[in-house]
Amino acid sequence: MGDSQSPSPPSARRGS
């Protein structure tokens, strides 16, 4: 997974 619906902050959801 990672950035599913986060185009602006992709580093925020990077991993699970």
PDB file of N, CA and C in Angstrom:
ATOM      1  N   MET A   1       0.841  -1.202   0.000  1.00  0.00           N
ATOM      2  CA  MET A   1       0.000   0.000   0.000  1.00  0.00           C
ATOM      3  C   MET A   1       0.877   1.255   0.000  1.00  0.00           C
ATOM      4  N   GLY A   2       0.291   2.379   0.398  1.00  0.00           N
ATOM      5  CA  GLY A   2       1.067   3.616   0.408  1.00  0.00           C
ATOM      6  C   GLY A   2       0.148   4.804   0.251  1.00  0.00           C
ATOM      7  N   ASP A   3       0.267   5.492  -0.893  1.00  0.00           N
ATOM      8  CA  ASP A   3      -0.608   6.645  -1.128  1.00  0.00           C
ATOM      9  C   ASP A   3      -1.740   6.226  -2.060  1.00  0.00           C
ATOM     10  N   SER A   4      -2.892   5.897  -1.451  1.00  0.00           N
ATOM     11  CA  SER A   4      -4.044   5.458  -2.238  1.00  0.00           C
ATOM     12  C   SER A   4      -4.887   6.658  -2.645  1.00  0.00           C
ATOM     13  N   GLN A   5      -5.151   7.551  -1.708  1.00  0.00           N
ATOM     14  CA  GLN A   5      -5.961   8.721  -2.008  1.00  0.00           C
ATOM     15  C   GLN A   5      -5.280   9.987  -1.497  1.00  0.00           C
ATOM     16  N   SER A   6      -3.953   9.953  -1.392  1.00  0.00           N
ATOM     17  CA  SER A   6      -3.216  11.111  -0.904  1.00  0.00           C
ATOM     18  C   SER A   6      -2.224  11.589  -1.964  1.00  0.00           C
ATOM     19  N   PRO A   7      -2.663  12.465  -2.849  1.00  0.00           N
ATOM     20  CA  PRO A   7      -1.826  12.981  -3.916  1.00  0.00           C
ATOM     21  C   PRO A   7      -0.880  14.066  -3.414  1.00  0.00           C
ATOM     22  N   SER A   8      -1.293  14.797  -2.392  1.00  0.00           N
ATOM     23  CA  SER A   8      -0.466  15.864  -1.851  1.00  0.00           C
ATOM     24  C   SER A   8       0.601  15.296  -0.900  1.00  0.00           C
ATOM     25  N   PRO A   9       0.198  14.643   0.191  1.00  0.00           N
ATOM     26  CA  PRO A   9       1.172  14.093   1.126  1.00  0.00           C
ATOM     27  C   PRO A   9       1.376  12.591   0.932  1.00  0.00           C
ATOM     28  N   PRO A  10       2.237  12.205   0.022  1.00  0.00           N
ATOM     29  CA  PRO A  10       2.483  10.796  -0.252  1.00  0.00           C
ATOM     30  C   PRO A  10       3.444  10.200   0.774  1.00  0.00           C
ATOM     31  N   SER A  11       4.256  11.043   1.384  1.00  0.00           N
ATOM     32  CA  SER A  11       5.225  10.572   2.361  1.00  0.00           C
ATOM     33  C   SER A  11       4.545  10.274   3.688  1.00  0.00           C
ATOM     34  N   ALA A  12       3.333  10.798   3.857  1.00  0.00           N
ATOM     35  CA  ALA A  12       2.609  10.596   5.103  1.00  0.00           C
ATOM     36  C   ALA A  12       2.124   9.148   5.192  1.00  0.00           C
ATOM     37  N   ARG A  13       1.701   8.591   4.056  1.00  0.00           N
ATOM     38  CA  ARG A  13       1.196   7.215   4.056  1.00  0.00           C
ATOM     39  C   ARG A  13       2.098   6.358   3.176  1.00  0.00           C
ATOM     40  N   ARG A  14       3.309   6.089   3.656  1.00  0.00           N
ATOM     41  CA  ARG A  14       4.234   5.315   2.859  1.00  0.00           C
ATOM     42  C   ARG A  14       4.609   4.035   3.609  1.00  0.00           C
ATOM     43  N   GLY A  15       3.928   2.941   3.352  1.00  0.00           N
ATOM     44  CA  GLY A  15       4.285   1.708   4.044  1.00  0.00           C
ATOM     45  C   GLY A  15       3.084   0.803   4.188  1.00  0.00           C
ATOM     46  N   SER A  16       2.212   1.126   5.115  1.00  0.00           N
ATOM     47  CA  SER A  16       1.045   0.265   5.312  1.00  0.00           C
ATOM     48  C   SER A  16      -0.120   0.860   4.616  1.00  0.00           C
TER      49      SER A  16
END
